[in-house]
């Protein structure tokens, strides 16, 4: 077998898994050494194209993450105040990771160094920032009032790590033991695979329960191992596109995970629209988008959501109701008249919230959506 000597892939963020843009010259240069960039999840990165100055790149990345506040940068503690990561064999000229370190006869030794601040220090950094333009152009922060979990406490490195077992994971998920599942996942990432397998249970209510549990476990796990959650999302999307496998519980779980940490995984939202025209998954797509919109409506509005407008006239009451709920959350004034026409639609449907069924009517959802739209108009007036 001839070994491929030229394997190349686009660089990605080690925290959220999304492809990143090429690093560029920051707007306000201070040290004048390295190019830098930022990911939509809040991580920042610097590039050492030679691989010989990684230490200096690390320092500049830390200062860059702290908005050039050196005093704050030196106070940070690894794993407690920030997470770090790196990508090796990066070629700055082509913006690629070259697996074997050689491209057209050139040695590729570049390094991308990443830092993502924890919640408290990220907020402090924003308060200490003196240049609002830098905030917009360099760090691209997420909207205010985010529900971000506290970083999971560091576990004792000398502890005897536990191994995940299928039956144990199922019992803990059934009992909604989030604490136990998070502890187990930090020791053994197979916990996530076992949780994913639970989604194939025939009982619909159990599937929704497990999808909610998976979202809550990933919410807390992402404070320490966001890359593992990103990998899980990638696997779920791949399973959804596999025509030979069942999609039970996958889209609901994807929605639960994104909604639990939209600040990190919001970039995965747009991919849900790929499954909007499949009869067996369109309701799950509408629910998942609604779950994300409840936390970050801007993430849904930044997708081509107008392709969903026709669902408010769908013959299936559940589809109509879920569409109305979604459009109310994202303040879709474009379909306000269509929603107004459903104020007297008394068809019932069940919408799951926190893994539990809630019975409602399209009329109730339409009136709630119209009230929210009117409130949005009044607040902007």
Protein backbone atom coordinates (compact mmCIF):
# COMPACT_ATOMS: atom_id res chain seq x y z
CA UNK A 1 0.00 0.00 0.00
CA UNK A 2 1.32 3.47 -0.90
CA UNK A 3 1.10 5.81 2.04
CA UNK A 4 -0.55 9.15 1.35
CA UNK A 5 2.22 11.68 1.90
CA UNK A 6 0.05 14.75 1.50
CA UNK A 7 -2.90 14.56 3.90
CA UNK A 8 -4.34 18.06 4.46
CA UNK A 9 -7.34 19.26 6.45
CA UNK A 10 -8.71 22.66 7.45
CA UNK A 11 -7.77 23.73 11.00
CA UNK A 12 -10.47 23.57 13.66
CA UNK A 13 -11.12 24.92 17.16
CA UNK A 14 -10.14 22.24 19.73
CA UNK A 15 -12.94 23.43 22.03
CA UNK A 16 -15.99 23.51 19.75
CA UNK A 17 -14.80 21.61 16.67
CA UNK A 18 -15.78 24.32 14.18
CA UNK A 19 -13.47 25.35 11.34
CA UNK A 20 -11.61 28.58 12.08
CA UNK A 21 -10.61 31.51 9.91
CA UNK A 22 -6.97 32.23 9.09
CA UNK A 23 -5.23 34.25 11.81
CA UNK A 24 -4.77 37.91 10.91
CA UNK A 25 -2.98 40.98 12.16
CA UNK A 26 -4.98 42.24 15.21
CA UNK A 27 -6.55 45.68 14.91
CA UNK A 28 -4.43 47.04 17.75
CA UNK A 29 -0.94 45.60 17.68
CA UNK A 30 1.11 45.63 20.89
CA UNK A 31 3.88 43.02 20.68
CA UNK A 32 3.90 42.96 16.87
CA UNK A 33 4.90 39.32 16.61
CA UNK A 34 2.06 36.90 15.88
CA UNK A 35 -1.14 36.89 13.89
CA UNK A 36 -4.27 36.03 15.86
CA UNK A 37 -7.92 35.10 15.51
CA UNK A 38 -11.05 34.23 17.44
CA UNK A 39 -13.58 31.40 17.24
CA UNK A 40 -17.33 31.89 17.56
CA UNK A 41 -17.25 29.87 20.81
CA UNK A 42 -15.15 32.57 22.51
CA UNK A 43 -11.72 30.96 22.16
CA UNK A 44 -8.83 33.03 20.79
CA UNK A 45 -5.71 31.78 19.07
CA UNK A 46 -2.28 32.91 17.90
CA UNK A 47 -0.08 31.47 15.17
CA UNK A 48 3.62 30.66 15.33
CA UNK A 49 4.38 29.73 11.70
CA UNK A 50 7.86 28.40 12.52
CA UNK A 51 7.09 26.29 15.58
CA UNK A 52 10.17 27.69 17.33
CA UNK A 53 8.44 30.44 19.33
CA UNK A 54 5.49 28.60 20.85
CA UNK A 55 6.25 30.00 24.31
CA UNK A 56 6.00 33.57 23.07
CA UNK A 57 2.83 32.69 21.12
CA UNK A 58 1.31 31.29 24.32
CA UNK A 59 2.06 34.51 26.20
CA UNK A 60 0.63 36.71 23.46
CA UNK A 61 -2.46 34.48 23.20
CA UNK A 62 -3.06 34.84 26.94
CA UNK A 63 -2.69 38.61 26.81
CA UNK A 64 -4.89 38.75 23.72
CA UNK A 65 -7.58 36.74 25.54
CA UNK A 66 -7.44 39.29 28.38
CA UNK A 67 -7.82 42.30 26.09
CA UNK A 68 -4.16 43.28 26.54
CA UNK A 69 -4.53 43.38 30.32
CA UNK A 70 -1.19 41.97 31.45
CA UNK A 71 -2.00 42.07 35.16
CA UNK A 72 -5.08 39.94 34.62
CA UNK A 73 -3.20 37.53 32.32
CA UNK A 74 -0.57 36.75 34.97
CA UNK A 75 -3.23 36.01 37.58
CA UNK A 76 -4.87 33.21 35.58
CA UNK A 77 -4.50 29.58 36.67
CA UNK A 78 -4.51 26.77 34.06
CA UNK A 79 -7.61 24.52 34.03
CA UNK A 80 -9.30 26.69 36.65
CA UNK A 81 -9.44 30.05 34.90
CA UNK A 82 -8.86 28.96 31.31
CA UNK A 83 -8.52 25.97 29.00
CA UNK A 84 -5.76 25.70 26.42
CA UNK A 85 -5.17 23.66 23.28
CA UNK A 86 -2.93 23.57 20.23
CA UNK A 87 -2.81 22.32 16.65
CA UNK A 88 0.55 21.28 15.22
CA UNK A 89 1.76 21.05 11.61
CA UNK A 90 -0.13 24.16 10.58
CA UNK A 91 0.77 25.80 7.27
CA UNK A 92 0.07 29.53 7.43
CA UNK A 93 0.42 29.97 3.66
CA UNK A 94 -2.41 27.58 2.75
CA UNK A 95 -4.33 27.65 6.09
CA UNK A 96 -4.19 23.86 6.43
CA UNK A 97 -3.10 21.17 8.84
CA UNK A 98 -0.62 19.00 6.96
CA UNK A 99 -0.75 15.58 8.62
CA UNK A 100 2.74 14.40 7.65
CA UNK A 101 4.50 17.75 8.05
CA UNK A 102 5.66 18.14 4.46
CA UNK A 103 3.99 20.07 1.66
CA UNK A 104 5.59 20.43 -1.78
CA UNK A 105 9.01 19.91 -0.27
CA UNK A 106 8.46 22.41 2.55
CA UNK A 107 8.69 21.38 6.19
CA UNK A 108 5.49 22.34 7.98
CA UNK A 109 6.09 23.13 11.66
CA UNK A 110 3.56 25.87 12.38
CA UNK A 111 1.53 25.86 15.61
CA UNK A 112 -1.87 27.35 16.44
CA UNK A 113 -2.20 27.95 20.17
CA UNK A 114 -5.70 28.35 21.67
CA UNK A 115 -7.03 29.74 24.95
CA UNK A 116 -10.62 29.89 26.17
CA UNK A 117 -11.31 31.81 29.39
CA UNK A 118 -13.72 30.51 32.00
CA UNK A 119 -16.94 32.41 32.65
CA UNK A 120 -15.79 34.66 35.50
CA UNK A 121 -12.54 35.76 33.92
CA UNK A 122 -14.15 36.25 30.54
CA UNK A 123 -16.66 38.62 32.13
CA UNK A 124 -13.95 40.44 34.09
CA UNK A 125 -11.93 40.83 30.93
CA UNK A 126 -14.90 42.45 29.20
CA UNK A 127 -15.35 44.89 32.10
CA UNK A 128 -11.70 45.90 31.95
CA UNK A 129 -11.75 46.41 28.21
CA UNK A 130 -11.12 50.02 27.22
CA UNK A 131 -11.66 49.77 23.50
CA UNK A 132 -15.17 48.71 22.42
CA UNK A 133 -14.10 48.45 18.81
CA UNK A 134 -11.59 45.80 19.78
CA UNK A 135 -14.39 43.89 21.50
CA UNK A 136 -16.33 43.81 18.25
CA UNK A 137 -13.48 43.22 15.83
CA UNK A 138 -11.22 40.87 17.79
CA UNK A 139 -13.15 38.82 20.34
CA UNK A 140 -16.65 38.93 18.83
CA UNK A 141 -18.35 38.25 22.17
CA UNK A 142 -21.71 36.50 22.47
CA UNK A 143 -24.86 38.38 23.53
CA UNK A 144 -25.36 39.34 27.17
CA UNK A 145 -27.37 37.44 29.78
CA UNK A 146 -26.02 34.06 28.80
CA UNK A 147 -26.69 31.05 30.97
CA UNK A 148 -23.15 29.70 31.26
CA UNK A 149 -22.43 26.97 33.83
CA UNK A 150 -19.64 27.25 36.34
CA UNK A 151 -16.51 25.31 35.46
CA UNK A 152 -16.55 21.81 36.90
CA UNK A 153 -14.20 21.52 39.90
CA UNK A 154 -10.90 19.84 39.15
CA UNK A 155 -10.92 16.18 40.15
CA UNK A 156 -8.11 14.66 42.20
CA UNK A 157 -5.52 13.48 39.64
CA UNK A 158 -4.53 10.65 42.01
CA UNK A 159 -8.04 9.23 42.21
CA UNK A 160 -8.85 5.79 40.87
CA UNK A 161 -10.69 6.55 37.64
CA UNK A 162 -13.98 4.78 37.05
CA UNK A 163 -14.86 2.88 33.89
CA UNK A 164 -18.25 3.38 32.29
CA UNK A 165 -20.50 0.34 32.00
CA UNK A 166 -23.62 0.23 29.90
CA UNK A 167 -26.04 -0.86 32.62
CA UNK A 168 -24.65 1.60 35.15
CA UNK A 169 -25.04 4.48 32.70
CA UNK A 170 -28.61 3.40 31.91
CA UNK A 171 -29.52 3.23 35.61
CA UNK A 172 -28.05 6.67 36.28
CA UNK A 173 -29.80 8.19 33.25
CA UNK A 174 -33.11 6.64 34.30
CA UNK A 175 -32.69 8.19 37.76
CA UNK A 176 -31.60 11.54 36.25
CA UNK A 177 -28.33 11.35 38.20
CA UNK A 178 -26.59 14.22 36.37
CA UNK A 179 -23.85 14.57 38.99
CA UNK A 180 -22.93 10.90 38.74
CA UNK A 181 -22.95 10.91 34.94
CA UNK A 182 -20.74 14.00 34.77
CA UNK A 183 -18.24 12.42 37.18
CA UNK A 184 -18.23 9.23 35.16
CA UNK A 185 -17.86 11.08 31.84
CA UNK A 186 -14.86 13.01 33.14
CA UNK A 187 -13.21 9.67 33.92
CA UNK A 188 -14.40 7.74 30.86
CA UNK A 189 -15.78 9.40 27.71
CA UNK A 190 -17.46 6.13 26.73
CA UNK A 191 -20.21 7.40 29.01
CA UNK A 192 -21.36 9.63 26.13
CA UNK A 193 -21.53 6.70 23.73
CA UNK A 194 -23.60 4.68 26.18
CA UNK A 195 -25.95 7.62 26.64
CA UNK A 196 -26.31 7.94 22.88
CA UNK A 197 -27.24 4.27 22.60
CA UNK A 198 -30.07 4.78 25.07
CA UNK A 199 -31.77 7.00 22.49
CA UNK A 200 -32.76 3.95 20.45
CA UNK A 201 -35.28 2.78 23.04
CA UNK A 202 -38.76 2.30 21.46
CA UNK A 203 -40.52 4.24 24.26
CA UNK A 204 -40.89 7.84 23.02
CA UNK A 205 -41.14 9.40 26.47
CA UNK A 206 -37.91 7.67 27.52
CA UNK A 207 -36.17 8.98 24.40
CA UNK A 208 -37.10 12.54 25.27
CA UNK A 209 -35.97 11.96 28.85
CA UNK A 210 -32.60 10.61 27.73
CA UNK A 211 -32.16 13.47 25.22
CA UNK A 212 -32.66 15.97 28.04
CA UNK A 213 -30.23 14.10 30.33
CA UNK A 214 -27.61 14.00 27.58
CA UNK A 215 -27.93 17.75 27.07
CA UNK A 216 -27.48 18.46 30.78
CA UNK A 217 -24.47 16.15 31.08
CA UNK A 218 -22.83 17.78 28.05
CA UNK A 219 -23.57 21.23 29.48
CA UNK A 220 -21.35 20.56 32.47
CA UNK A 221 -18.82 18.32 30.74
CA UNK A 222 -18.17 21.06 28.17
CA UNK A 223 -16.60 23.26 30.85
CA UNK A 224 -13.71 20.79 31.01
CA UNK A 225 -13.88 18.77 27.79
CA UNK A 226 -15.70 20.78 25.11
CA UNK A 227 -13.91 18.85 22.38
CA UNK A 228 -15.52 15.59 23.50
CA UNK A 229 -18.98 17.16 23.25
CA UNK A 230 -18.15 18.57 19.82
CA UNK A 231 -17.10 15.09 18.68
CA UNK A 232 -20.42 13.71 19.94
CA UNK A 233 -22.35 16.30 17.92
CA UNK A 234 -20.38 15.41 14.81
CA UNK A 235 -21.15 11.70 15.32
CA UNK A 236 -24.84 12.43 15.79
CA UNK A 237 -25.05 14.47 12.61
CA UNK A 238 -23.25 11.72 10.71
CA UNK A 239 -25.74 9.16 12.07
CA UNK A 240 -28.63 11.38 10.95
CA UNK A 241 -27.32 11.41 7.38
CA UNK A 242 -26.91 7.61 7.32
CA UNK A 243 -29.96 6.26 5.50
CA UNK A 244 -29.26 2.77 6.82
CA UNK A 245 -29.66 3.73 10.48
CA UNK A 246 -32.52 4.93 12.65
CA UNK A 247 -32.53 8.56 13.78
CA UNK A 248 -34.49 8.06 17.00
CA UNK A 249 -33.62 10.69 19.57
CA UNK A 250 -30.67 12.16 17.68
CA UNK A 251 -32.08 15.49 16.54
CA UNK A 252 -33.76 16.05 19.90
CA UNK A 253 -30.43 15.39 21.62
CA UNK A 254 -28.56 17.70 19.26
CA UNK A 255 -31.05 20.45 20.08
CA UNK A 256 -30.71 19.78 23.81
CA UNK A 257 -26.91 19.95 23.69
CA UNK A 258 -26.78 23.14 21.63
CA UNK A 259 -29.41 24.79 23.82
CA UNK A 260 -27.44 23.81 26.93
CA UNK A 261 -24.25 25.56 25.67
CA UNK A 262 -25.15 27.83 22.73
CA UNK A 263 -22.10 29.97 23.50
CA UNK A 264 -19.84 27.09 22.41
CA UNK A 265 -21.91 24.91 20.11
CA UNK A 266 -24.19 27.48 18.49
CA UNK A 267 -22.41 26.96 15.18
CA UNK A 268 -24.03 23.55 14.89
CA UNK A 269 -27.51 25.10 14.76
CA UNK A 270 -27.62 25.75 11.02
CA UNK A 271 -27.03 22.08 10.20
CA UNK A 272 -30.41 21.15 11.70
CA UNK A 273 -32.10 22.66 8.66
CA UNK A 274 -30.73 19.83 6.51
CA UNK A 275 -33.45 17.57 7.91
CA UNK A 276 -36.40 19.97 7.76
CA UNK A 277 -38.03 18.35 4.74
CA UNK A 278 -37.89 14.78 6.02
CA UNK A 279 -41.33 13.75 7.28
CA UNK A 280 -39.96 11.65 10.14
CA UNK A 281 -37.68 14.41 11.46
CA UNK A 282 -39.27 17.78 10.61
CA UNK A 283 -41.08 18.03 13.96
CA UNK A 284 -37.88 17.21 15.81
CA UNK A 285 -36.05 19.90 13.82
CA UNK A 286 -38.69 22.49 14.75
CA UNK A 287 -38.48 21.46 18.40
CA UNK A 288 -34.66 21.56 18.41
CA UNK A 289 -34.57 25.00 16.79
CA UNK A 290 -37.14 26.16 19.33
CA UNK A 291 -34.98 24.87 22.19
CA UNK A 292 -31.99 26.82 20.86
CA UNK A 293 -34.11 29.92 20.18
CA UNK A 294 -35.32 29.92 23.78
CA UNK A 295 -31.71 30.66 24.80
CA UNK A 296 -30.24 32.35 21.73
CA UNK A 297 -32.83 33.45 19.12
CA UNK A 298 -30.07 35.16 17.14
CA UNK A 299 -28.52 31.79 16.30
CA UNK A 300 -31.71 30.69 14.55
CA UNK A 301 -32.26 34.03 12.86
CA UNK A 302 -28.76 33.76 11.40
CA UNK A 303 -29.86 30.64 9.50
CA UNK A 304 -32.14 30.57 6.41
CA UNK A 305 -35.12 30.08 8.72
CA UNK A 306 -37.50 31.51 6.13
CA UNK A 307 -37.52 28.05 4.55
CA UNK A 308 -39.69 27.00 7.52
CA UNK A 309 -42.48 29.56 6.97
CA UNK A 310 -44.73 27.10 5.13
CA UNK A 311 -44.98 24.91 8.24
CA UNK A 312 -47.54 27.22 9.87
CA UNK A 313 -50.01 25.93 7.26
CA UNK A 314 -49.01 22.29 7.61
CA UNK A 315 -51.88 19.78 7.95
CA UNK A 316 -50.23 18.13 10.99
CA UNK A 317 -51.21 20.04 14.18
CA UNK A 318 -47.92 19.20 15.90
CA UNK A 319 -45.93 20.66 13.01
CA UNK A 320 -48.06 23.81 12.98
CA UNK A 321 -47.77 24.23 16.73
CA UNK A 322 -44.01 23.74 16.84
CA UNK A 323 -43.55 26.20 13.96
CA UNK A 324 -45.68 28.83 15.74
CA UNK A 325 -43.69 28.32 18.95
CA UNK A 326 -40.40 28.75 17.09
CA UNK A 327 -41.46 31.86 15.17
CA UNK A 328 -42.66 33.50 18.36
CA UNK A 329 -39.30 32.89 20.03
CA UNK A 330 -37.32 34.45 17.18
CA UNK A 331 -39.80 37.33 16.70
CA UNK A 332 -40.51 36.37 13.08
CA UNK A 333 -42.66 39.36 12.17
CA UNK A 334 -42.60 38.08 8.60
CA UNK A 335 -45.28 35.47 9.46
CA UNK A 336 -47.16 37.43 12.07
CA UNK A 337 -50.38 37.49 10.02
CA UNK A 338 -50.21 33.75 9.45
CA UNK A 339 -49.82 33.15 13.20
CA UNK A 340 -52.73 35.52 13.90
CA UNK A 341 -54.92 33.28 11.75
CA UNK A 342 -54.27 30.38 14.16
CA UNK A 343 -55.52 32.10 17.32
CA UNK A 344 -58.69 30.01 17.27
CA UNK A 345 -57.05 26.70 16.29
CA UNK A 346 -57.96 24.40 19.18
CA UNK A 347 -56.01 21.37 17.97
CA UNK A 348 -53.97 19.86 20.79
CA UNK A 349 -50.35 18.77 20.74
CA UNK A 350 -47.63 17.66 23.12
CA UNK A 351 -44.37 19.60 23.41
CA UNK A 352 -41.57 18.20 25.54
CA UNK A 353 -39.89 20.52 28.03
CA UNK A 354 -36.95 19.37 30.16
CA UNK A 355 -37.67 15.84 29.01
CA UNK A 356 -41.31 15.89 30.15
CA UNK A 357 -44.48 16.10 28.03
CA UNK A 358 -46.56 19.29 28.20
CA UNK A 359 -50.00 19.33 26.61
CA UNK A 360 -51.08 22.56 24.91
CA UNK A 361 -53.07 23.87 21.93
CA UNK A 362 -52.09 25.73 18.78
CA UNK A 363 -54.33 28.59 19.93
CA UNK A 364 -52.34 28.98 23.17
CA UNK A 365 -49.05 28.90 21.29
CA UNK A 366 -50.25 31.42 18.69
CA UNK A 367 -51.47 33.87 21.33
CA UNK A 368 -48.20 33.55 23.27
CA UNK A 369 -46.20 34.15 20.08
CA UNK A 370 -48.23 37.24 19.16
CA UNK A 371 -47.87 38.64 22.68
CA UNK A 372 -44.10 38.21 22.51
CA UNK A 373 -43.96 39.88 19.10
CA UNK A 374 -45.95 42.85 20.36
CA UNK A 375 -43.66 43.14 23.37
CA UNK A 376 -40.62 43.18 21.11
CA UNK A 377 -42.16 45.99 19.06
CA UNK A 378 -42.95 48.03 22.18
CA UNK A 379 -39.43 47.60 23.56
CA UNK A 380 -37.90 48.85 20.35
CA UNK A 381 -40.24 51.83 20.08
